[in-house]
Amino acid sequence: QVQLVESGGGLVQPGGSLRLSCAASGSIFSINVMDWYRQAPGKQRNLVARIVSGGSTNYADSVKGRFTISRDSAKNTVYLQMNSLKPEDTAVYYCSADVMNTARSTIRSWGQGTQVTVSS
């Protein structure tokens, strides 16, 4: 059993910053890919940023230069630093990861989501 728990969402004014965290716990052997997705009301869930175990990162075009994904592998935690936030960044943000458990099975796991609202 693996759990992902996000934190750090909230209400912020345009131009402001937030830092999201996602901690994985449970029967974890290793974690390769760690992602942040977001879903705005009435829209599909989209990938925002990805980091793999070697440290390589990828970003959606809409957040390049504003968001930074990082991870602490020792803590099984991924972060999303969001700067210069815009109203269109408003969404529920989900953490997701490819987790290999102690039985050596790899499962795509999801957190419960954290709301980010950008509004004046």
C-alpha atoms as a PDB file:
ATOM      1  CA  GLN A   1       0.000   0.000   0.000  1.00  0.00           C
ATOM      2  CA  VAL A   2       1.371   3.387  -1.064  1.00  0.00           C
ATOM      3  CA  GLN A   3      -0.028   6.804  -0.175  1.00  0.00           C
ATOM      4  CA  LEU A   4       0.723  10.206  -1.703  1.00  0.00           C
ATOM      5  CA  VAL A   5      -0.243  13.248   0.357  1.00  0.00           C
ATOM      6  CA  GLU A   6      -0.099  16.768  -1.070  1.00  0.00           C
ATOM      7  CA  SER A   7       0.108  20.003   0.900  1.00  0.00           C
ATOM      8  CA  GLY A   8       0.736  23.685   0.319  1.00  0.00           C
ATOM      9  CA  GLY A   9      -2.246  24.776  -1.745  1.00  0.00           C
ATOM     10  CA  GLY A  10      -4.280  27.866  -1.004  1.00  0.00           C
ATOM     11  CA  LEU A  11      -5.399  31.284  -2.171  1.00  0.00           C
ATOM     12  CA  VAL A  12      -2.807  33.642  -3.628  1.00  0.00           C
ATOM     13  CA  GLN A  13      -2.950  36.919  -5.522  1.00  0.00           C
ATOM     14  CA  PRO A  14      -1.822  37.150  -9.165  1.00  0.00           C
ATOM     15  CA  GLY A  15       1.950  37.428  -9.305  1.00  0.00           C
ATOM     16  CA  GLY A  16       2.351  35.581  -6.047  1.00  0.00           C
ATOM     17  CA  SER A  17       4.045  32.288  -5.221  1.00  0.00           C
ATOM     18  CA  LEU A  18       3.165  28.951  -3.655  1.00  0.00           C
ATOM     19  CA  ARG A  19       5.139  25.816  -2.949  1.00  0.00           C
ATOM     20  CA  LEU A  20       3.389  22.453  -3.145  1.00  0.00           C
ATOM     21  CA  SER A  21       4.750  19.346  -1.481  1.00  0.00           C
ATOM     22  CA  CYS A  22       3.877  15.677  -1.966  1.00  0.00           C
ATOM     23  CA  ALA A  23       5.146  12.976   0.336  1.00  0.00           C
ATOM     24  CA  ALA A  24       4.950   9.304  -0.555  1.00  0.00           C
ATOM     25  CA  SER A  25       4.742   6.689   2.179  1.00  0.00           C
ATOM     26  CA  GLY A  26       4.070   2.985   2.589  1.00  0.00           C
ATOM     27  CA  SER A  27       5.695  -0.110   1.113  1.00  0.00           C
ATOM     28  CA  ILE A  28       8.086   1.738  -1.193  1.00  0.00           C
ATOM     29  CA  PHE A  29      11.142   0.164  -2.794  1.00  0.00           C
ATOM     30  CA  SER A  30      11.859   2.966  -5.249  1.00  0.00           C
ATOM     31  CA  ILE A  31      10.207   5.799  -7.139  1.00  0.00           C
ATOM     32  CA  ASN A  32      11.156   6.628 -10.726  1.00  0.00           C
ATOM     33  CA  VAL A  33       8.811   9.217 -12.216  1.00  0.00           C
ATOM     34  CA  MET A  34       7.143  11.878 -10.064  1.00  0.00           C
ATOM     35  CA  ASP A  35       4.609  14.224 -11.653  1.00  0.00           C
ATOM     36  CA  TRP A  36       2.383  17.163 -10.905  1.00  0.00           C
ATOM     37  CA  TYR A  37      -0.925  17.342 -12.782  1.00  0.00           C
ATOM     38  CA  ARG A  38      -3.689  19.907 -12.530  1.00  0.00           C
ATOM     39  CA  GLN A  39      -7.380  19.967 -13.336  1.00  0.00           C
ATOM     40  CA  ALA A  40      -9.441  23.124 -13.670  1.00  0.00           C
ATOM     41  CA  PRO A  41     -13.259  22.996 -13.369  1.00  0.00           C
ATOM     42  CA  GLY A  42     -14.803  21.504 -16.483  1.00  0.00           C
ATOM     43  CA  LYS A  43     -11.442  20.656 -18.015  1.00  0.00           C
ATOM     44  CA  GLN A  44      -9.330  17.542 -18.337  1.00  0.00           C
ATOM     45  CA  ARG A  45      -6.427  16.734 -16.056  1.00  0.00           C
ATOM     46  CA  ASN A  46      -3.131  17.769 -17.626  1.00  0.00           C
ATOM     47  CA  LEU A  47       0.521  17.160 -16.845  1.00  0.00           C
ATOM     48  CA  VAL A  48       2.221  20.241 -15.427  1.00  0.00           C
ATOM     49  CA  ALA A  49       5.716  19.000 -14.593  1.00  0.00           C
ATOM     50  CA  ARG A  50       7.693  15.759 -14.386  1.00  0.00           C
ATOM     51  CA  ILE A  51      10.928  14.735 -12.713  1.00  0.00           C
ATOM     52  CA  VAL A  52      12.605  11.364 -13.097  1.00  0.00           C
ATOM     53  CA  SER A  53      15.001   9.614 -10.769  1.00  0.00           C
ATOM     54  CA  GLY A  54      18.061  10.936 -12.608  1.00  0.00           C
ATOM     55  CA  GLY A  55      16.899  14.499 -12.116  1.00  0.00           C
ATOM     56  CA  SER A  56      15.701  15.317 -15.639  1.00  0.00           C
ATOM     57  CA  THR A  57      12.636  17.536 -15.760  1.00  0.00           C
ATOM     58  CA  ASN A  58       9.883  18.416 -18.214  1.00  0.00           C
ATOM     59  CA  TYR A  59       7.300  21.181 -18.069  1.00  0.00           C
ATOM     60  CA  ALA A  60       4.098  22.129 -19.821  1.00  0.00           C
ATOM     61  CA  ASP A  61       4.656  25.131 -22.065  1.00  0.00           C
ATOM     62  CA  SER A  62       2.197  27.167 -20.015  1.00  0.00           C
ATOM     63  CA  VAL A  63       4.362  26.991 -16.882  1.00  0.00           C
ATOM     64  CA  LYS A  64       7.908  27.016 -18.279  1.00  0.00           C
ATOM     65  CA  GLY A  65      10.023  29.664 -16.593  1.00  0.00           C
ATOM     66  CA  ARG A  66       7.534  30.071 -13.734  1.00  0.00           C
ATOM     67  CA  PHE A  67       7.290  26.639 -12.091  1.00  0.00           C
ATOM     68  CA  THR A  68      10.108  24.450 -10.820  1.00  0.00           C
ATOM     69  CA  ILE A  69       9.781  20.778  -9.896  1.00  0.00           C
ATOM     70  CA  SER A  70      12.277  19.183  -7.530  1.00  0.00           C
ATOM     71  CA  ARG A  71      12.520  16.084  -5.375  1.00  0.00           C
ATOM     72  CA  ASP A  72      14.132  14.789  -2.215  1.00  0.00           C
ATOM     73  CA  SER A  73      14.606  11.110  -2.964  1.00  0.00           C
ATOM     74  CA  ALA A  74      15.661  10.325   0.601  1.00  0.00           C
ATOM     75  CA  LYS A  75      12.285  11.626   1.805  1.00  0.00           C
ATOM     76  CA  ASN A  76      10.256  10.292  -1.170  1.00  0.00           C
ATOM     77  CA  THR A  77       8.981  13.832  -1.595  1.00  0.00           C
ATOM     78  CA  VAL A  78       8.392  15.980  -4.666  1.00  0.00           C
ATOM     79  CA  TYR A  79       7.924  19.745  -4.680  1.00  0.00           C
ATOM     80  CA  LEU A  80       6.454  22.271  -7.081  1.00  0.00           C
ATOM     81  CA  GLN A  81       7.602  25.858  -6.662  1.00  0.00           C
ATOM     82  CA  MET A  82       5.112  28.108  -8.445  1.00  0.00           C
ATOM     83  CA  ASN A  83       6.058  31.718  -9.093  1.00  0.00           C
ATOM     84  CA  SER A  84       4.390  34.540 -11.029  1.00  0.00           C
ATOM     85  CA  LEU A  85       1.052  32.832 -10.611  1.00  0.00           C
ATOM     86  CA  LYS A  86      -1.797  33.718 -12.956  1.00  0.00           C
ATOM     87  CA  PRO A  87      -5.570  33.294 -12.589  1.00  0.00           C
ATOM     88  CA  GLU A  88      -5.413  30.580 -15.245  1.00  0.00           C
ATOM     89  CA  ASP A  89      -3.211  28.519 -12.903  1.00  0.00           C
ATOM     90  CA  THR A  90      -6.267  28.017 -10.691  1.00  0.00           C
ATOM     91  CA  ALA A  91      -6.939  24.281 -10.436  1.00  0.00           C
ATOM     92  CA  VAL A  92      -6.751  21.241  -8.236  1.00  0.00           C
ATOM     93  CA  TYR A  93      -3.141  20.055  -8.309  1.00  0.00           C
ATOM     94  CA  TYR A  94      -2.451  16.326  -8.073  1.00  0.00           C
ATOM     95  CA  CYS A  95       0.765  14.520  -7.308  1.00  0.00           C
ATOM     96  CA  SER A  96       1.360  11.235  -9.125  1.00  0.00           C
ATOM     97  CA  ALA A  97       4.230   8.776  -9.193  1.00  0.00           C
ATOM     98  CA  ASP A  98       5.394   5.433 -10.564  1.00  0.00           C
ATOM     99  CA  VAL A  99       6.119   3.616  -7.334  1.00  0.00           C
ATOM    100  CA  MET A 100       7.864   0.241  -7.169  1.00  0.00           C
ATOM    101  CA  ASN A 101       6.694  -1.422  -3.967  1.00  0.00           C
ATOM    102  CA  THR A 102       8.564  -3.923  -1.852  1.00  0.00           C
ATOM    103  CA  ALA A 103       7.020  -6.742  -3.900  1.00  0.00           C
ATOM    104  CA  ARG A 104       8.773  -5.224  -6.938  1.00  0.00           C
ATOM    105  CA  SER A 105       5.503  -4.256  -8.605  1.00  0.00           C
ATOM    106  CA  THR A 106       5.278  -0.779 -10.149  1.00  0.00           C
ATOM    107  CA  ILE A 107       2.010   1.042  -9.617  1.00  0.00           C
ATOM    108  CA  ARG A 108       0.927   4.511 -10.753  1.00  0.00           C
ATOM    109  CA  SER A 109      -0.204   6.173  -7.539  1.00  0.00           C
ATOM    110  CA  TRP A 110      -2.158   9.427  -7.055  1.00  0.00           C
ATOM    111  CA  GLY A 111      -2.647  11.898  -4.260  1.00  0.00           C
ATOM    112  CA  GLN A 112      -5.993  13.358  -3.240  1.00  0.00           C
ATOM    113  CA  GLY A 113      -5.275  16.783  -4.733  1.00  0.00           C
ATOM    114  CA  THR A 114      -4.778  20.257  -3.316  1.00  0.00           C
ATOM    115  CA  GLN A 115      -6.653  23.374  -4.426  1.00  0.00           C
ATOM    116  CA  VAL A 116      -4.713  26.338  -5.795  1.00  0.00           C
ATOM    117  CA  THR A 117      -6.708  29.507  -6.378  1.00  0.00           C
ATOM    118  CA  VAL A 118      -5.136  32.594  -7.942  1.00  0.00           C
ATOM    119  CA  SER A 119      -7.384  35.610  -7.494  1.00  0.00           C
ATOM    120  CA  SER A 120      -7.313  39.190  -6.350  1.00  0.00           C
END
